[in-house]
Amino acid sequence: HDEHNEDEHGHEEDGHSDSVTIDALTAEQSGIKTAMARSGDIATTRRVFAKVANDPSQISHIGARFDGTIIQVNASVGDRVKKGMKLARIESNQSLHPYYVNAPFDGIIIERHANPGELTQDQPLFTLFNDNILWAEFKIFPNQMLAVKQGQDVIIDNEVFRIAHIIPNTSGGPYELARVRLDNHDH
């Protein structure tokens, strides 16, 4: 047979209760804290993967102003150069006077097609890349597209960045690219 308890008002209880009362000392010792419920924004996060891409506007293919013979080369692939640095010395075919090919901006040499004794012809002698600015390109798949917007914050290595723009994927994959500008002055 079932045992029933009677509370102080004569109502029967079956041993189950909708609430529990804990005194303040027990709550404090148990690490229980209370706070007033209030409205607010709920932040949700999504983990997405990216690749770092070069900024095409920061790449320069440097050629000779006048056809001639390359006399001297002062830069190789991987070298960091400063704006105005003399990258190569060319002897003009027309005037036979030497002139220099200078770096148009600070950057890193990523390609070299110049060696002493060669003719300049119409090819680039160097490709210079300014890596002060890079882009993180995040792949955003269809199930994420509604939640990701231009201007949203992105956390990369505990640093906050902002989505500059979202562009369609031109390679045919089922995703868009959310692009984030990265300051890379410290390389």
Protein backbone atom coordinates (compact mmCIF):
# COMPACT_ATOMS: atom_id res chain seq x y z
CA HIS A 1 0.00 0.00 0.00
CA ASP A 2 1.19 3.56 -0.79
CA GLU A 3 2.39 5.83 1.95
CA HIS A 4 1.34 9.44 1.65
CA ASN A 5 2.68 12.35 3.64
CA GLU A 6 0.45 15.11 4.77
CA ASP A 7 1.73 18.71 4.66
CA GLU A 8 0.89 21.41 7.21
CA HIS A 9 -2.38 22.22 5.44
CA GLY A 10 -3.60 18.63 5.45
CA HIS A 11 -2.85 18.02 1.75
CA GLU A 12 -1.39 14.67 0.87
CA GLU A 13 1.98 14.48 -0.95
CA ASP A 14 3.40 11.42 -2.64
CA GLY A 15 7.07 12.26 -1.98
CA HIS A 16 7.59 14.27 -5.20
CA SER A 17 7.87 18.02 -5.31
CA ASP A 18 7.95 20.63 -8.08
CA SER A 19 10.49 22.77 -6.23
CA VAL A 20 13.33 22.44 -3.80
CA THR A 21 14.32 25.03 -1.24
CA ILE A 22 18.01 25.39 -0.36
CA ASP A 23 19.16 27.72 2.36
CA ALA A 24 21.67 30.45 1.46
CA LEU A 25 24.63 28.82 3.26
CA THR A 26 24.19 25.49 1.46
CA ALA A 27 23.80 27.28 -1.90
CA GLU A 28 27.02 29.26 -1.32
CA GLN A 29 28.96 26.16 -0.27
CA SER A 30 27.71 24.30 -3.37
CA GLY A 31 28.68 27.11 -5.74
CA ILE A 32 25.08 27.84 -6.68
CA LYS A 33 24.45 31.43 -7.71
CA THR A 34 21.23 33.15 -8.65
CA ALA A 35 20.61 36.12 -10.91
CA MET A 36 17.64 37.95 -12.35
CA ALA A 37 16.66 36.74 -15.81
CA ARG A 38 16.62 39.49 -18.43
CA SER A 39 16.52 39.88 -22.19
CA GLY A 40 19.69 40.19 -24.25
CA ASP A 41 21.51 39.12 -27.38
CA ILE A 42 22.68 35.55 -27.73
CA ALA A 43 25.93 35.14 -29.63
CA THR A 44 26.28 31.99 -31.68
CA THR A 45 29.51 30.90 -33.29
CA ARG A 46 30.33 28.69 -36.24
CA ARG A 47 33.71 27.16 -37.00
CA VAL A 48 34.68 27.54 -40.65
CA PHE A 49 37.95 26.99 -42.44
CA ALA A 50 39.88 29.44 -44.58
CA LYS A 51 42.95 29.80 -46.70
CA VAL A 52 45.14 32.88 -46.79
CA ALA A 53 45.29 34.49 -50.22
CA ASN A 54 47.38 37.23 -51.78
CA ASP A 55 45.82 40.54 -52.74
CA PRO A 56 46.11 40.75 -56.56
CA SER A 57 46.34 44.55 -56.36
CA GLN A 58 49.56 44.17 -54.35
CA ILE A 59 51.46 42.25 -57.04
CA SER A 60 53.65 43.99 -59.63
CA HIS A 61 55.33 42.41 -62.66
CA ILE A 62 58.43 44.56 -63.18
CA GLY A 63 59.94 44.79 -66.64
CA ALA A 64 62.60 46.86 -68.34
CA ARG A 65 61.63 50.27 -69.74
CA PHE A 66 63.88 49.81 -72.77
CA ASP A 67 65.11 46.62 -74.42
CA GLY A 68 68.66 45.79 -73.56
CA THR A 69 71.11 43.43 -71.94
CA ILE A 70 70.95 42.64 -68.23
CA ILE A 71 74.30 43.63 -66.73
CA GLN A 72 73.68 43.07 -63.02
CA VAL A 73 70.93 41.55 -60.83
CA ASN A 74 70.66 42.56 -57.17
CA ALA A 75 67.60 40.59 -55.98
CA SER A 76 66.55 36.97 -55.84
CA VAL A 77 63.37 35.06 -55.01
CA GLY A 78 62.52 35.48 -51.32
CA ASP A 79 64.40 38.78 -50.87
CA ARG A 80 62.62 41.60 -49.08
CA VAL A 81 63.19 44.85 -50.93
CA LYS A 82 62.43 48.50 -50.19
CA LYS A 83 60.78 50.98 -52.54
CA GLY A 84 63.40 52.45 -54.89
CA MET A 85 65.94 49.64 -54.42
CA LYS A 86 67.93 48.93 -57.58
CA LEU A 87 66.83 45.42 -58.60
CA ALA A 88 68.79 45.19 -61.85
CA ARG A 89 71.09 47.18 -64.11
CA ILE A 90 70.30 47.14 -67.82
CA GLU A 91 72.31 48.41 -70.79
CA SER A 92 69.93 49.94 -73.32
CA ASN A 93 70.18 48.55 -76.87
CA GLN A 94 69.51 51.98 -78.37
CA SER A 95 71.66 54.32 -76.30
CA LEU A 96 74.10 51.75 -74.88
CA HIS A 97 73.76 53.64 -71.60
CA PRO A 98 73.01 51.69 -68.42
CA TYR A 99 69.89 52.31 -66.36
CA TYR A 100 68.36 50.67 -63.29
CA VAL A 101 65.11 48.82 -62.74
CA ASN A 102 63.84 49.90 -59.31
CA ALA A 103 61.34 48.39 -56.88
CA PRO A 104 58.06 50.38 -57.13
CA PHE A 105 57.12 49.55 -53.49
CA ASP A 106 58.28 47.58 -50.45
CA GLY A 107 57.73 43.87 -50.85
CA ILE A 108 59.12 40.41 -51.40
CA ILE A 109 60.44 39.05 -54.70
CA ILE A 110 58.31 36.01 -55.58
CA GLU A 111 59.58 35.43 -59.15
CA ARG A 112 62.80 36.29 -60.96
CA HIS A 113 63.32 36.01 -64.72
CA ALA A 114 66.51 38.04 -64.96
CA ASN A 115 70.11 36.86 -65.15
CA PRO A 116 73.24 38.77 -66.20
CA GLY A 117 73.94 38.51 -69.93
CA GLU A 118 70.31 37.86 -70.90
CA LEU A 119 68.20 40.14 -73.08
CA THR A 120 65.28 41.84 -71.40
CA GLN A 121 62.83 41.36 -74.29
CA ASP A 122 59.17 41.91 -73.30
CA GLN A 123 59.04 39.64 -70.27
CA PRO A 124 58.77 40.65 -66.62
CA LEU A 125 62.16 40.55 -64.93
CA PHE A 126 60.75 40.27 -61.41
CA THR A 127 57.41 39.75 -59.71
CA LEU A 128 57.15 41.78 -56.51
CA PHE A 129 54.51 41.15 -53.87
CA ASN A 130 53.56 43.50 -51.06
CA ASP A 131 52.54 41.11 -48.27
CA ASN A 132 51.49 43.83 -45.80
CA ILE A 133 47.89 43.00 -46.67
CA LEU A 134 46.57 39.46 -47.05
CA TRP A 135 43.06 38.03 -47.24
CA ALA A 136 41.55 35.12 -45.36
CA GLU A 137 38.97 33.43 -47.59
CA PHE A 138 36.41 31.38 -45.66
CA LYS A 139 34.34 28.76 -47.46
CA ILE A 140 30.66 29.31 -46.61
CA PHE A 141 28.46 26.36 -47.58
CA PRO A 142 24.68 26.53 -48.25
CA ASN A 143 23.68 25.49 -44.71
CA GLN A 144 25.75 28.42 -43.35
CA MET A 145 24.89 31.14 -45.88
CA LEU A 146 21.89 32.58 -44.03
CA ALA A 147 23.93 33.00 -40.84
CA VAL A 148 27.00 34.67 -42.38
CA LYS A 149 26.81 38.30 -43.51
CA GLN A 150 29.09 41.08 -44.66
CA GLY A 151 30.26 43.17 -41.69
CA GLN A 152 30.09 40.31 -39.17
CA ASP A 153 32.94 39.77 -36.74
CA VAL A 154 35.33 36.88 -37.26
CA ILE A 155 37.74 35.64 -34.60
CA ILE A 156 41.09 34.42 -35.88
CA ASP A 157 43.68 33.40 -33.27
CA ASN A 158 41.73 35.32 -30.59
CA GLU A 159 41.83 38.54 -32.64
CA VAL A 160 38.63 40.11 -34.00
CA PHE A 161 38.36 40.92 -37.71
CA ARG A 162 35.37 41.83 -39.88
CA ILE A 163 34.00 40.21 -43.04
CA ALA A 164 34.74 42.77 -45.76
CA HIS A 165 32.62 41.12 -48.43
CA ILE A 166 31.12 37.85 -49.59
CA ILE A 167 31.79 36.80 -53.16
CA PRO A 168 30.56 33.92 -55.30
CA ASN A 169 32.86 30.99 -55.84
CA THR A 170 34.20 30.98 -59.39
CA SER A 171 35.71 27.49 -59.22
CA GLY A 172 32.34 25.74 -59.37
CA GLY A 173 32.26 24.51 -55.75
CA PRO A 174 29.01 24.67 -53.73
CA TYR A 175 30.12 27.55 -51.51
CA GLU A 176 30.68 31.30 -51.35
CA LEU A 177 33.80 33.04 -50.03
CA ALA A 178 33.64 35.37 -47.04
CA ARG A 179 36.77 37.52 -47.33
CA VAL A 180 38.51 39.07 -44.32
CA ARG A 181 41.33 41.60 -44.70
CA LEU A 182 44.39 40.74 -42.61
CA ASP A 183 47.03 43.25 -41.56
CA ASN A 184 50.38 41.51 -42.08
CA HIS A 185 52.82 44.38 -41.42
CA ASP A 186 54.74 42.15 -39.00
CA HIS A 187 54.98 39.47 -41.73
